[in-house]
C-alpha atoms as a PDB file:
ATOM      1  CA  MET A   1     -47.701  -1.756  12.938  1.00  0.00           C
ATOM      2  CA  THR A   2     -46.792  -1.305  16.540  1.00  0.00           C
ATOM      3  CA  ASP A   3     -46.118  -3.578  19.542  1.00  0.00           C
ATOM      4  CA  GLY A   4     -43.753  -5.915  17.698  1.00  0.00           C
ATOM      5  CA  HIS A   5     -45.605  -7.579  14.873  1.00  0.00           C
ATOM      6  CA  LEU A   6     -49.203  -6.872  15.925  1.00  0.00           C
ATOM      7  CA  PRO A   7     -51.196  -4.740  13.464  1.00  0.00           C
ATOM      8  CA  ASP A   8     -52.755  -1.561  14.774  1.00  0.00           C
ATOM      9  CA  VAL A   9     -56.219  -2.735  13.761  1.00  0.00           C
ATOM     10  CA  TYR A  10     -55.824  -5.824  15.956  1.00  0.00           C
ATOM     11  CA  LEU A  11     -54.555  -3.801  18.899  1.00  0.00           C
ATOM     12  CA  GLY A  12     -57.516  -1.445  18.445  1.00  0.00           C
ATOM     13  CA  PHE A  13     -59.889  -4.397  18.435  1.00  0.00           C
ATOM     14  CA  ARG A  14     -58.406  -5.665  21.687  1.00  0.00           C
ATOM     15  CA  ASP A  15     -58.716  -2.215  23.280  1.00  0.00           C
ATOM     16  CA  GLN A  16     -62.282  -1.653  22.104  1.00  0.00           C
ATOM     17  CA  TYR A  17     -63.599  -5.172  22.783  1.00  0.00           C
ATOM     18  CA  PRO A  18     -61.496  -6.618  25.640  1.00  0.00           C
ATOM     19  CA  GLU A  19     -64.144  -9.221  26.610  1.00  0.00           C
ATOM     20  CA  VAL A  20     -64.345 -10.554  23.057  1.00  0.00           C
ATOM     21  CA  ALA A  21     -60.533 -10.574  22.817  1.00  0.00           C
ATOM     22  CA  SER A  22     -60.334 -12.537  26.082  1.00  0.00           C
ATOM     23  CA  ALA A  23     -62.904 -15.037  24.831  1.00  0.00           C
ATOM     24  CA  LEU A  24     -60.946 -15.405  21.588  1.00  0.00           C
ATOM     25  CA  ASP A  25     -57.745 -16.001  23.565  1.00  0.00           C
ATOM     26  CA  ALA A  26     -59.491 -18.670  25.661  1.00  0.00           C
ATOM     27  CA  LEU A  27     -60.887 -20.381  22.556  1.00  0.00           C
ATOM     28  CA  GLY A  28     -57.446 -20.379  20.988  1.00  0.00           C
ATOM     29  CA  ALA A  29     -55.903 -21.990  24.086  1.00  0.00           C
ATOM     30  CA  THR A  30     -58.661 -24.587  24.191  1.00  0.00           C
ATOM     31  CA  VAL A  31     -58.303 -25.463  20.534  1.00  0.00           C
ATOM     32  CA  ASP A  32     -54.512 -25.663  20.796  1.00  0.00           C
ATOM     33  CA  GLY A  33     -54.805 -28.232  23.571  1.00  0.00           C
ATOM     34  CA  ALA A  34     -57.590 -30.311  21.986  1.00  0.00           C
ATOM     35  CA  GLY A  35     -55.405 -33.002  20.466  1.00  0.00           C
ATOM     36  CA  PRO A  36     -52.021 -34.710  20.314  1.00  0.00           C
ATOM     37  CA  LEU A  37     -50.214 -32.311  17.950  1.00  0.00           C
ATOM     38  CA  ASP A  38     -47.220 -30.589  19.460  1.00  0.00           C
ATOM     39  CA  GLU A  39     -46.891 -26.829  19.040  1.00  0.00           C
ATOM     40  CA  ARG A  40     -44.467 -27.072  16.089  1.00  0.00           C
ATOM     41  CA  VAL A  41     -46.751 -29.296  14.070  1.00  0.00           C
ATOM     42  CA  ALA A  42     -49.848 -27.352  15.037  1.00  0.00           C
ATOM     43  CA  ARG A  43     -48.223 -24.107  13.863  1.00  0.00           C
ATOM     44  CA  LEU A  44     -47.313 -25.670  10.525  1.00  0.00           C
ATOM     45  CA  VAL A  45     -50.920 -26.872  10.109  1.00  0.00           C
ATOM     46  CA  LYS A  46     -52.249 -23.430  10.989  1.00  0.00           C
ATOM     47  CA  LEU A  47     -49.769 -21.889   8.565  1.00  0.00           C
ATOM     48  CA  GLY A  48     -51.131 -24.106   5.785  1.00  0.00           C
ATOM     49  CA  LEU A  49     -54.672 -23.113   6.634  1.00  0.00           C
ATOM     50  CA  ALA A  50     -53.682 -19.438   6.573  1.00  0.00           C
ATOM     51  CA  VAL A  51     -52.006 -19.866   3.141  1.00  0.00           C
ATOM     52  CA  GLY A  52     -55.159 -21.529   1.826  1.00  0.00           C
ATOM     53  CA  ALA A  53     -57.273 -18.668   3.127  1.00  0.00           C
ATOM     54  CA  SER A  54     -54.906 -16.084   1.596  1.00  0.00           C
ATOM     55  CA  ALA A  55     -54.748 -14.472   5.059  1.00  0.00           C
ATOM     56  CA  GLU A  56     -51.511 -12.442   5.019  1.00  0.00           C
ATOM     57  CA  GLY A  57     -51.524 -11.553   8.701  1.00  0.00           C
ATOM     58  CA  ALA A  58     -52.233 -15.130   9.763  1.00  0.00           C
ATOM     59  CA  VAL A  59     -49.537 -16.468   7.395  1.00  0.00           C
ATOM     60  CA  LYS A  60     -46.939 -14.134   8.848  1.00  0.00           C
ATOM     61  CA  SER A  61     -48.045 -14.715  12.440  1.00  0.00           C
ATOM     62  CA  ASN A  62     -47.991 -18.488  12.108  1.00  0.00           C
ATOM     63  CA  ALA A  63     -44.686 -18.489  10.249  1.00  0.00           C
ATOM     64  CA  ARG A  64     -43.171 -16.526  13.165  1.00  0.00           C
ATOM     65  CA  LYS A  65     -44.822 -18.810  15.703  1.00  0.00           C
ATOM     66  CA  ALA A  66     -43.680 -21.928  13.816  1.00  0.00           C
ATOM     67  CA  LEU A  67     -40.083 -20.650  13.915  1.00  0.00           C
ATOM     68  CA  ALA A  68     -40.426 -19.962  17.646  1.00  0.00           C
ATOM     69  CA  ALA A  69     -41.787 -23.513  18.115  1.00  0.00           C
ATOM     70  CA  GLY A  70     -38.704 -24.997  16.458  1.00  0.00           C
ATOM     71  CA  ALA A  71     -39.746 -25.380  12.810  1.00  0.00           C
ATOM     72  CA  ARG A  72     -36.927 -25.033  10.324  1.00  0.00           C
ATOM     73  CA  PRO A  73     -37.212 -22.483   7.492  1.00  0.00           C
ATOM     74  CA  GLU A  74     -37.245 -25.370   4.956  1.00  0.00           C
ATOM     75  CA  GLU A  75     -40.265 -26.894   6.709  1.00  0.00           C
ATOM     76  CA  ILE A  76     -42.083 -23.552   6.698  1.00  0.00           C
ATOM     77  CA  ARG A  77     -41.399 -23.016   2.994  1.00  0.00           C
ATOM     78  CA  GLN A  78     -42.586 -26.595   2.247  1.00  0.00           C
ATOM     79  CA  VAL A  79     -45.971 -25.626   3.652  1.00  0.00           C
ATOM     80  CA  GLY A  80     -46.239 -22.980   0.926  1.00  0.00           C
ATOM     81  CA  ILE A  81     -45.137 -25.443  -1.760  1.00  0.00           C
ATOM     82  CA  LEU A  82     -47.659 -28.062  -0.567  1.00  0.00           C
ATOM     83  CA  ALA A  83     -50.419 -25.493  -0.957  1.00  0.00           C
ATOM     84  CA  ILE A  84     -49.934 -25.360  -4.761  1.00  0.00           C
ATOM     85  CA  THR A  85     -51.872 -28.543  -5.477  1.00  0.00           C
ATOM     86  CA  THR A  86     -54.504 -28.102  -2.785  1.00  0.00           C
ATOM     87  CA  CYS A  87     -55.129 -24.344  -2.648  1.00  0.00           C
ATOM     88  CA  GLY A  88     -54.007 -23.257  -6.094  1.00  0.00           C
ATOM     89  CA  PHE A  89     -50.921 -21.573  -7.487  1.00  0.00           C
ATOM     90  CA  PRO A  90     -51.956 -17.952  -6.785  1.00  0.00           C
ATOM     91  CA  ALA A  91     -52.658 -18.578  -3.076  1.00  0.00           C
ATOM     92  CA  ALA A  92     -49.513 -20.667  -2.689  1.00  0.00           C
ATOM     93  CA  ILE A  93     -47.284 -18.071  -4.331  1.00  0.00           C
ATOM     94  CA  ALA A  94     -48.773 -15.281  -2.238  1.00  0.00           C
ATOM     95  CA  GLY A  95     -48.242 -17.413   0.867  1.00  0.00           C
ATOM     96  CA  LEU A  96     -44.646 -18.159  -0.092  1.00  0.00           C
ATOM     97  CA  GLY A  97     -44.042 -14.429  -0.523  1.00  0.00           C
ATOM     98  CA  TRP A  98     -45.371 -13.707   2.938  1.00  0.00           C
ATOM     99  CA  ILE A  99     -43.433 -16.600   4.421  1.00  0.00           C
ATOM    100  CA  ASP A 100     -40.232 -15.329   2.816  1.00  0.00           C
ATOM    101  CA  GLU A 101     -40.862 -11.847   4.231  1.00  0.00           C
ATOM    102  CA  VAL A 102     -40.892 -13.360   7.736  1.00  0.00           C
ATOM    103  CA  LEU A 103     -37.867 -15.590   7.122  1.00  0.00           C
ATOM    104  CA  GLU A 104     -35.857 -12.766   5.608  1.00  0.00           C
ATOM    105  CA  ALA A 105     -36.701 -10.491   8.554  1.00  0.00           C
ATOM    106  CA  GLY A 106     -35.199 -13.071  10.839  1.00  0.00           C
END
């Protein structure tokens, strides 16, 4: 990884397809503003979706963004615990592991 936490494959995608990356950025901004959720809550929701999808990069990204938006580590871990009954134990445990990697890195 380079550029902070961004994976090289993502940076390569942005370099090779800048118009698609810009459209994706615009969609993200539009979706983020499409309802009443504040950024902290929205990041926790996105974190839960990422855990359910077993998407390691998205889990780590949204855990970092949730912290930056003011979520407490206990709230972020609870997202992983809540995933057990909805997404299944394997996905939840994987998600908790990725969450802990972010929290331990500070």
